[in-house]
Amino acid sequence: MASTNDAMRQITEQGRESGELMTEIAKDTREDSYAMKSIAILTMFYLPRAFVTVCSPLCDAVEMLIGYRHSRYLACNS
């Protein structure tokens, strides 16, 4: 009977330790989620501006090469 009680205590202690580890993992995951959301918001804010910054000189170069005033529409919207 004593060995059964010891085994039950050991299982209970392992379960408690496992629960504490799961709680730590959940907290770390929540913090990581906040960081990922921040990165996504910053990316959504800056990426379109970066694309326009790169596309604008490219469209100007195409316009100069072709000599067609509406090449900006053709190059950037195709």
PDB file of N, CA and C in Angstrom:
ATOM      1  N   MET A   1       0.812  -1.189   0.000  1.00  0.00           N
ATOM      2  CA  MET A   1       0.000   0.000   0.000  1.00  0.00           C
ATOM      3  C   MET A   1       0.860   1.259   0.000  1.00  0.00           C
ATOM      4  N   ALA A   2       1.982   1.200   0.725  1.00  0.00           N
ATOM      5  CA  ALA A   2       2.869   2.357   0.805  1.00  0.00           C
ATOM      6  C   ALA A   2       3.478   2.658  -0.556  1.00  0.00           C
ATOM      7  N   SER A   3       3.820   1.627  -1.313  1.00  0.00           N
ATOM      8  CA  SER A   3       4.415   1.848  -2.629  1.00  0.00           C
ATOM      9  C   SER A   3       3.391   2.452  -3.598  1.00  0.00           C
ATOM     10  N   THR A   4       2.116   2.075  -3.426  1.00  0.00           N
ATOM     11  CA  THR A   4       1.060   2.653  -4.262  1.00  0.00           C
ATOM     12  C   THR A   4       0.895   4.144  -3.952  1.00  0.00           C
ATOM     13  N   ASN A   5       0.915   4.489  -2.680  1.00  0.00           N
ATOM     14  CA  ASN A   5       0.816   5.896  -2.288  1.00  0.00           C
ATOM     15  C   ASN A   5       2.003   6.706  -2.803  1.00  0.00           C
ATOM     16  N   ASP A   6       3.195   6.131  -2.716  1.00  0.00           N
ATOM     17  CA  ASP A   6       4.392   6.803  -3.222  1.00  0.00           C
ATOM     18  C   ASP A   6       4.296   7.013  -4.734  1.00  0.00           C
ATOM     19  N   ALA A   7       3.798   5.997  -5.428  1.00  0.00           N
ATOM     20  CA  ALA A   7       3.645   6.107  -6.879  1.00  0.00           C
ATOM     21  C   ALA A   7       2.623   7.184  -7.236  1.00  0.00           C
ATOM     22  N   MET A   8       1.531   7.253  -6.490  1.00  0.00           N
ATOM     23  CA  MET A   8       0.503   8.267  -6.736  1.00  0.00           C
ATOM     24  C   MET A   8       1.046   9.669  -6.458  1.00  0.00           C
ATOM     25  N   ARG A   9       1.828   9.807  -5.392  1.00  0.00           N
ATOM     26  CA  ARG A   9       2.446  11.113  -5.096  1.00  0.00           C
ATOM     27  C   ARG A   9       3.397  11.528  -6.215  1.00  0.00           C
ATOM     28  N   GLN A  10       4.152  10.568  -6.675  1.00  0.00           N
ATOM     29  CA  GLN A  10       5.111  10.851  -7.749  1.00  0.00           C
ATOM     30  C   GLN A  10       4.374  11.272  -9.026  1.00  0.00           C
ATOM     31  N   ILE A  11       3.308  10.582  -9.364  1.00  0.00           N
ATOM     32  CA  ILE A  11       2.512  10.941 -10.545  1.00  0.00           C
ATOM     33  C   ILE A  11       1.892  12.328 -10.371  1.00  0.00           C
ATOM     34  N   THR A  12       1.390  12.601  -9.169  1.00  0.00           N
ATOM     35  CA  THR A  12       0.795  13.907  -8.881  1.00  0.00           C
ATOM     36  C   THR A  12       1.836  15.011  -9.015  1.00  0.00           C
ATOM     37  N   GLU A  13       3.020  14.781  -8.480  1.00  0.00           N
ATOM     38  CA  GLU A  13       4.098  15.776  -8.567  1.00  0.00           C
ATOM     39  C   GLU A  13       4.514  16.005 -10.022  1.00  0.00           C
ATOM     40  N   GLN A  14       4.607  14.948 -10.804  1.00  0.00           N
ATOM     41  CA  GLN A  14       4.958  15.094 -12.219  1.00  0.00           C
ATOM     42  C   GLN A  14       3.878  15.874 -12.967  1.00  0.00           C
ATOM     43  N   GLY A  15       2.638  15.618 -12.631  1.00  0.00           N
ATOM     44  CA  GLY A  15       1.539  16.358 -13.250  1.00  0.00           C
ATOM     45  C   GLY A  15       1.589  17.832 -12.894  1.00  0.00           C
ATOM     46  N   ARG A  16       1.899  18.145 -11.667  1.00  0.00           N
ATOM     47  CA  ARG A  16       2.017  19.536 -11.220  1.00  0.00           C
ATOM     48  C   ARG A  16       3.162  20.244 -11.950  1.00  0.00           C
ATOM     49  N   GLU A  17       4.310  19.566 -12.039  1.00  0.00           N
ATOM     50  CA  GLU A  17       5.456  20.141 -12.754  1.00  0.00           C
ATOM     51  C   GLU A  17       5.119  20.355 -14.230  1.00  0.00           C
ATOM     52  N   SER A  18       4.429  19.396 -14.809  1.00  0.00           N
ATOM     53  CA  SER A  18       4.024  19.517 -16.209  1.00  0.00           C
ATOM     54  C   SER A  18       3.085  20.709 -16.406  1.00  0.00           C
ATOM     55  N   GLY A  19       2.164  20.886 -15.478  1.00  0.00           N
ATOM     56  CA  GLY A  19       1.250  22.026 -15.549  1.00  0.00           C
ATOM     57  C   GLY A  19       1.979  23.356 -15.451  1.00  0.00           C
ATOM     58  N   GLU A  20       2.974  23.439 -14.583  1.00  0.00           N
ATOM     59  CA  GLU A  20       3.756  24.667 -14.451  1.00  0.00           C
ATOM     60  C   GLU A  20       4.527  24.964 -15.736  1.00  0.00           C
ATOM     61  N   LEU A  21       5.089  23.921 -16.331  1.00  0.00           N
ATOM     62  CA  LEU A  21       5.796  24.111 -17.599  1.00  0.00           C
ATOM     63  C   LEU A  21       4.842  24.575 -18.707  1.00  0.00           C
ATOM     64  N   MET A  22       3.660  24.002 -18.747  1.00  0.00           N
ATOM     65  CA  MET A  22       2.674  24.403 -19.754  1.00  0.00           C
ATOM     66  C   MET A  22       2.260  25.864 -19.564  1.00  0.00           C
ATOM     67  N   THR A  23       2.155  26.296 -18.325  1.00  0.00           N
ATOM     68  CA  THR A  23       1.816  27.689 -18.043  1.00  0.00           C
ATOM     69  C   THR A  23       2.922  28.622 -18.541  1.00  0.00           C
ATOM     70  N   GLU A  24       4.166  28.261 -18.299  1.00  0.00           N
ATOM     71  CA  GLU A  24       5.292  29.062 -18.795  1.00  0.00           C
ATOM     72  C   GLU A  24       5.295  29.121 -20.321  1.00  0.00           C
ATOM     73  N   ILE A  25       5.046  27.990 -20.954  1.00  0.00           N
ATOM     74  CA  ILE A  25       5.010  27.952 -22.418  1.00  0.00           C
ATOM     75  C   ILE A  25       3.887  28.836 -22.945  1.00  0.00           C
ATOM     76  N   ALA A  26       2.737  28.805 -22.308  1.00  0.00           N
ATOM     77  CA  ALA A  26       1.607  29.642 -22.732  1.00  0.00           C
ATOM     78  C   ALA A  26       1.937  31.119 -22.606  1.00  0.00           C
ATOM     79  N   LYS A  27       2.589  31.514 -21.520  1.00  0.00           N
ATOM     80  CA  LYS A  27       2.979  32.919 -21.342  1.00  0.00           C
ATOM     81  C   LYS A  27       3.980  33.351 -22.404  1.00  0.00           C
ATOM     82  N   ASP A  28       4.972  32.493 -22.673  1.00  0.00           N
ATOM     83  CA  ASP A  28       5.962  32.812 -23.708  1.00  0.00           C
ATOM     84  C   ASP A  28       5.308  32.905 -25.086  1.00  0.00           C
ATOM     85  N   THR A  29       4.360  32.020 -25.346  1.00  0.00           N
ATOM     86  CA  THR A  29       3.656  32.046 -26.626  1.00  0.00           C
ATOM     87  C   THR A  29       2.859  33.331 -26.783  1.00  0.00           C
ATOM     88  N   ARG A  30       2.220  33.784 -25.712  1.00  0.00           N
ATOM     89  CA  ARG A  30       1.457  35.035 -25.757  1.00  0.00           C
ATOM     90  C   ARG A  30       2.381  36.210 -26.065  1.00  0.00           C
ATOM     91  N   GLU A  31       3.542  36.264 -25.412  1.00  0.00           N
ATOM     92  CA  GLU A  31       4.500  37.344 -25.672  1.00  0.00           C
ATOM     93  C   GLU A  31       4.992  37.296 -27.118  1.00  0.00           C
ATOM     94  N   ASP A  32       5.255  36.101 -27.611  1.00  0.00           N
ATOM     95  CA  ASP A  32       5.694  35.948 -28.990  1.00  0.00           C
ATOM     96  C   ASP A  32       4.600  36.389 -29.959  1.00  0.00           C
ATOM     97  N   SER A  33       3.363  36.098 -29.615  1.00  0.00           N
ATOM     98  CA  SER A  33       2.236  36.500 -30.457  1.00  0.00           C
ATOM     99  C   SER A  33       2.151  38.016 -30.553  1.00  0.00           C
ATOM    100  N   TYR A  34       2.340  38.712 -29.440  1.00  0.00           N
ATOM    101  CA  TYR A  34       2.328  40.177 -29.461  1.00  0.00           C
ATOM    102  C   TYR A  34       3.451  40.713 -30.344  1.00  0.00           C
ATOM    103  N   ALA A  35       4.625  40.107 -30.247  1.00  0.00           N
ATOM    104  CA  ALA A  35       5.759  40.547 -31.065  1.00  0.00           C
ATOM    105  C   ALA A  35       5.469  40.325 -32.551  1.00  0.00           C
ATOM    106  N   MET A  36       4.894  39.187 -32.889  1.00  0.00           N
ATOM    107  CA  MET A  36       4.584  38.892 -34.288  1.00  0.00           C
ATOM    108  C   MET A  36       3.529  39.850 -34.836  1.00  0.00           C
ATOM    109  N   LYS A  37       2.540  40.208 -34.022  1.00  0.00           N
ATOM    110  CA  LYS A  37       1.530  41.167 -34.455  1.00  0.00           C
ATOM    111  C   LYS A  37       2.160  42.526 -34.699  1.00  0.00           C
ATOM    112  N   SER A  38       3.078  42.932 -33.848  1.00  0.00           N
ATOM    113  CA  SER A  38       3.762  44.211 -34.032  1.00  0.00           C
ATOM    114  C   SER A  38       4.567  44.226 -35.319  1.00  0.00           C
ATOM    115  N   ILE A  39       5.268  43.146 -35.587  1.00  0.00           N
ATOM    116  CA  ILE A  39       6.048  43.047 -36.819  1.00  0.00           C
ATOM    117  C   ILE A  39       5.127  43.087 -38.032  1.00  0.00           C
ATOM    118  N   ALA A  40       4.009  42.398 -37.969  1.00  0.00           N
ATOM    119  CA  ALA A  40       3.067  42.386 -39.094  1.00  0.00           C
ATOM    120  C   ALA A  40       2.496  43.771 -39.350  1.00  0.00           C
ATOM    121  N   ILE A  41       2.164  44.500 -38.291  1.00  0.00           N
ATOM    122  CA  ILE A  41       1.614  45.850 -38.461  1.00  0.00           C
ATOM    123  C   ILE A  41       2.661  46.779 -39.065  1.00  0.00           C
ATOM    124  N   LEU A  42       3.887  46.710 -38.571  1.00  0.00           N
ATOM    125  CA  LEU A  42       4.940  47.544 -39.139  1.00  0.00           C
ATOM    126  C   LEU A  42       5.194  47.208 -40.602  1.00  0.00           C
ATOM    127  N   THR A  43       5.160  45.930 -40.922  1.00  0.00           N
ATOM    128  CA  THR A  43       5.367  45.510 -42.307  1.00  0.00           C
ATOM    129  C   THR A  43       4.248  46.025 -43.195  1.00  0.00           C
ATOM    130  N   MET A  44       3.015  45.939 -42.735  1.00  0.00           N
ATOM    131  CA  MET A  44       1.888  46.432 -43.538  1.00  0.00           C
ATOM    132  C   MET A  44       1.983  47.940 -43.739  1.00  0.00           C
ATOM    133  N   PHE A  45       2.601  48.638 -42.810  1.00  0.00           N
ATOM    134  CA  PHE A  45       2.725  50.082 -42.921  1.00  0.00           C
ATOM    135  C   PHE A  45       3.866  50.474 -43.869  1.00  0.00           C
ATOM    136  N   TYR A  46       5.031  49.814 -43.757  1.00  0.00           N
ATOM    137  CA  TYR A  46       6.204  50.225 -44.519  1.00  0.00           C
ATOM    138  C   TYR A  46       6.360  49.543 -45.870  1.00  0.00           C
ATOM    139  N   LEU A  47       5.904  48.322 -46.022  1.00  0.00           N
ATOM    140  CA  LEU A  47       6.136  47.595 -47.271  1.00  0.00           C
ATOM    141  C   LEU A  47       5.506  48.268 -48.486  1.00  0.00           C
ATOM    142  N   PRO A  48       4.258  48.732 -48.436  1.00  0.00           N
ATOM    143  CA  PRO A  48       3.711  49.422 -49.611  1.00  0.00           C
ATOM    144  C   PRO A  48       4.509  50.679 -49.972  1.00  0.00           C
ATOM    145  N   ARG A  49       4.974  51.403 -48.966  1.00  0.00           N
ATOM    146  CA  ARG A  49       5.775  52.600 -49.242  1.00  0.00           C
ATOM    147  C   ARG A  49       7.091  52.225 -49.904  1.00  0.00           C
ATOM    148  N   ALA A  50       7.712  51.158 -49.457  1.00  0.00           N
ATOM    149  CA  ALA A  50       8.961  50.704 -50.060  1.00  0.00           C
ATOM    150  C   ALA A  50       8.726  50.286 -51.509  1.00  0.00           C
ATOM    151  N   PHE A  51       7.616  49.620 -51.772  1.00  0.00           N
ATOM    152  CA  PHE A  51       7.303  49.204 -53.140  1.00  0.00           C
ATOM    153  C   PHE A  51       7.120  50.419 -54.044  1.00  0.00           C
ATOM    154  N   VAL A  52       6.400  51.427 -53.562  1.00  0.00           N
ATOM    155  CA  VAL A  52       6.175  52.637 -54.357  1.00  0.00           C
ATOM    156  C   VAL A  52       7.496  53.355 -54.587  1.00  0.00           C
ATOM    157  N   THR A  53       8.356  53.378 -53.586  1.00  0.00           N
ATOM    158  CA  THR A  53       9.652  54.031 -53.718  1.00  0.00           C
ATOM    159  C   THR A  53      10.499  53.353 -54.782  1.00  0.00           C
ATOM    160  N   VAL A  54      10.455  52.038 -54.856  1.00  0.00           N
ATOM    161  CA  VAL A  54      11.223  51.301 -55.858  1.00  0.00           C
ATOM    162  C   VAL A  54      10.553  51.397 -57.220  1.00  0.00           C
ATOM    163  N   CYS A  55       9.249  51.336 -57.251  1.00  0.00           N
ATOM    164  CA  CYS A  55       8.516  51.333 -58.512  1.00  0.00           C
ATOM    165  C   CYS A  55       8.574  52.691 -59.208  1.00  0.00           C
ATOM    166  N   SER A  56       8.553  53.762 -58.449  1.00  0.00           N
ATOM    167  CA  SER A  56       8.513  55.102 -59.043  1.00  0.00           C
ATOM    168  C   SER A  56       9.725  55.384 -59.925  1.00  0.00           C
ATOM    169  N   PRO A  57      10.967  55.179 -59.460  1.00  0.00           N
ATOM    170  CA  PRO A  57      12.111  55.399 -60.355  1.00  0.00           C
ATOM    171  C   PRO A  57      12.121  54.419 -61.527  1.00  0.00           C
ATOM    172  N   LEU A  58      11.654  53.206 -61.292  1.00  0.00           N
ATOM    173  CA  LEU A  58      11.590  52.221 -62.365  1.00  0.00           C
ATOM    174  C   LEU A  58      10.638  52.687 -63.450  1.00  0.00           C
ATOM    175  N   CYS A  59       9.499  53.220 -63.057  1.00  0.00           N
ATOM    176  CA  CYS A  59       8.523  53.715 -64.029  1.00  0.00           C
ATOM    177  C   CYS A  59       9.070  54.926 -64.780  1.00  0.00           C
ATOM    178  N   ASP A  60       9.809  55.784 -64.076  1.00  0.00           N
ATOM    179  CA  ASP A  60      10.417  56.942 -64.741  1.00  0.00           C
ATOM    180  C   ASP A  60      11.436  56.486 -65.774  1.00  0.00           C
ATOM    181  N   ALA A  61      12.218  55.454 -65.452  1.00  0.00           N
ATOM    182  CA  ALA A  61      13.208  54.943 -66.394  1.00  0.00           C
ATOM    183  C   ALA A  61      12.530  54.348 -67.620  1.00  0.00           C
ATOM    184  N   VAL A  62      11.455  53.616 -67.414  1.00  0.00           N
ATOM    185  CA  VAL A  62      10.717  53.036 -68.546  1.00  0.00           C
ATOM    186  C   VAL A  62      10.142  54.151 -69.409  1.00  0.00           C
ATOM    187  N   GLU A  63       9.649  55.185 -68.773  1.00  0.00           N
ATOM    188  CA  GLU A  63       9.080  56.315 -69.498  1.00  0.00           C
ATOM    189  C   GLU A  63      10.151  56.998 -70.351  1.00  0.00           C
ATOM    190  N   MET A  64      11.364  57.139 -69.802  1.00  0.00           N
ATOM    191  CA  MET A  64      12.446  57.766 -70.562  1.00  0.00           C
ATOM    192  C   MET A  64      12.879  56.883 -71.723  1.00  0.00           C
ATOM    193  N   LEU A  65      12.963  55.586 -71.508  1.00  0.00           N
ATOM    194  CA  LEU A  65      13.396  54.670 -72.568  1.00  0.00           C
ATOM    195  C   LEU A  65      12.371  54.582 -73.688  1.00  0.00           C
ATOM    196  N   ILE A  66      11.127  54.465 -73.342  1.00  0.00           N
ATOM    197  CA  ILE A  66      10.077  54.290 -74.338  1.00  0.00           C
ATOM    198  C   ILE A  66       9.655  55.638 -74.909  1.00  0.00           C
ATOM    199  N   GLY A  67       9.707  56.657 -74.090  1.00  0.00           N
ATOM    200  CA  GLY A  67       9.276  57.970 -74.530  1.00  0.00           C
ATOM    201  C   GLY A  67       7.764  58.060 -74.606  1.00  0.00           C
ATOM    202  N   TYR A  68       7.113  57.222 -73.879  1.00  0.00           N
ATOM    203  CA  TYR A  68       5.656  57.161 -73.894  1.00  0.00           C
ATOM    204  C   TYR A  68       5.153  57.683 -72.567  1.00  0.00           C
ATOM    205  N   ARG A  69       4.321  58.703 -72.579  1.00  0.00           N
ATOM    206  CA  ARG A  69       3.894  59.365 -71.349  1.00  0.00           C
ATOM    207  C   ARG A  69       3.087  58.449 -70.433  1.00  0.00           C
ATOM    208  N   HIS A  70       2.396  57.515 -70.994  1.00  0.00           N
ATOM    209  CA  HIS A  70       1.543  56.662 -70.176  1.00  0.00           C
ATOM    210  C   HIS A  70       2.227  55.338 -69.842  1.00  0.00           C
ATOM    211  N   SER A  71       3.540  55.299 -70.002  1.00  0.00           N
ATOM    212  CA  SER A  71       4.260  54.065 -69.671  1.00  0.00           C
ATOM    213  C   SER A  71       4.184  53.787 -68.174  1.00  0.00           C
ATOM    214  N   ARG A  72       4.013  54.832 -67.361  1.00  0.00           N
ATOM    215  CA  ARG A  72       3.868  54.618 -65.918  1.00  0.00           C
ATOM    216  C   ARG A  72       2.674  53.722 -65.657  1.00  0.00           C
ATOM    217  N   TYR A  73       1.601  53.945 -66.374  1.00  0.00           N
ATOM    218  CA  TYR A  73       0.415  53.105 -66.227  1.00  0.00           C
ATOM    219  C   TYR A  73       0.696  51.695 -66.710  1.00  0.00           C
ATOM    220  N   LEU A  74       1.367  51.576 -67.840  1.00  0.00           N
ATOM    221  CA  LEU A  74       1.636  50.247 -68.408  1.00  0.00           C
ATOM    222  C   LEU A  74       2.613  49.453 -67.559  1.00  0.00           C
ATOM    223  N   ALA A  75       3.684  50.096 -67.071  1.00  0.00           N
ATOM    224  CA  ALA A  75       4.726  49.375 -66.335  1.00  0.00           C
ATOM    225  C   ALA A  75       4.265  49.000 -64.919  1.00  0.00           C
ATOM    226  N   CYS A  76       3.555  49.892 -64.281  1.00  0.00           N
ATOM    227  CA  CYS A  76       3.207  49.649 -62.872  1.00  0.00           C
ATOM    228  C   CYS A  76       1.899  48.921 -62.692  1.00  0.00           C
ATOM    229  N   ASN A  77       1.091  48.828 -63.721  1.00  0.00           N
ATOM    230  CA  ASN A  77      -0.198  48.173 -63.575  1.00  0.00           C
ATOM    231  C   ASN A  77      -0.294  46.873 -64.367  1.00  0.00           C
ATOM    232  N   SER A  78       0.801  46.401 -64.877  1.00  0.00           N
ATOM    233  CA  SER A  78       0.728  45.149 -65.626  1.00  0.00           C
ATOM    234  C   SER A  78       1.087  43.979 -64.751  1.00  0.00           C
TER     235      SER A  78
END
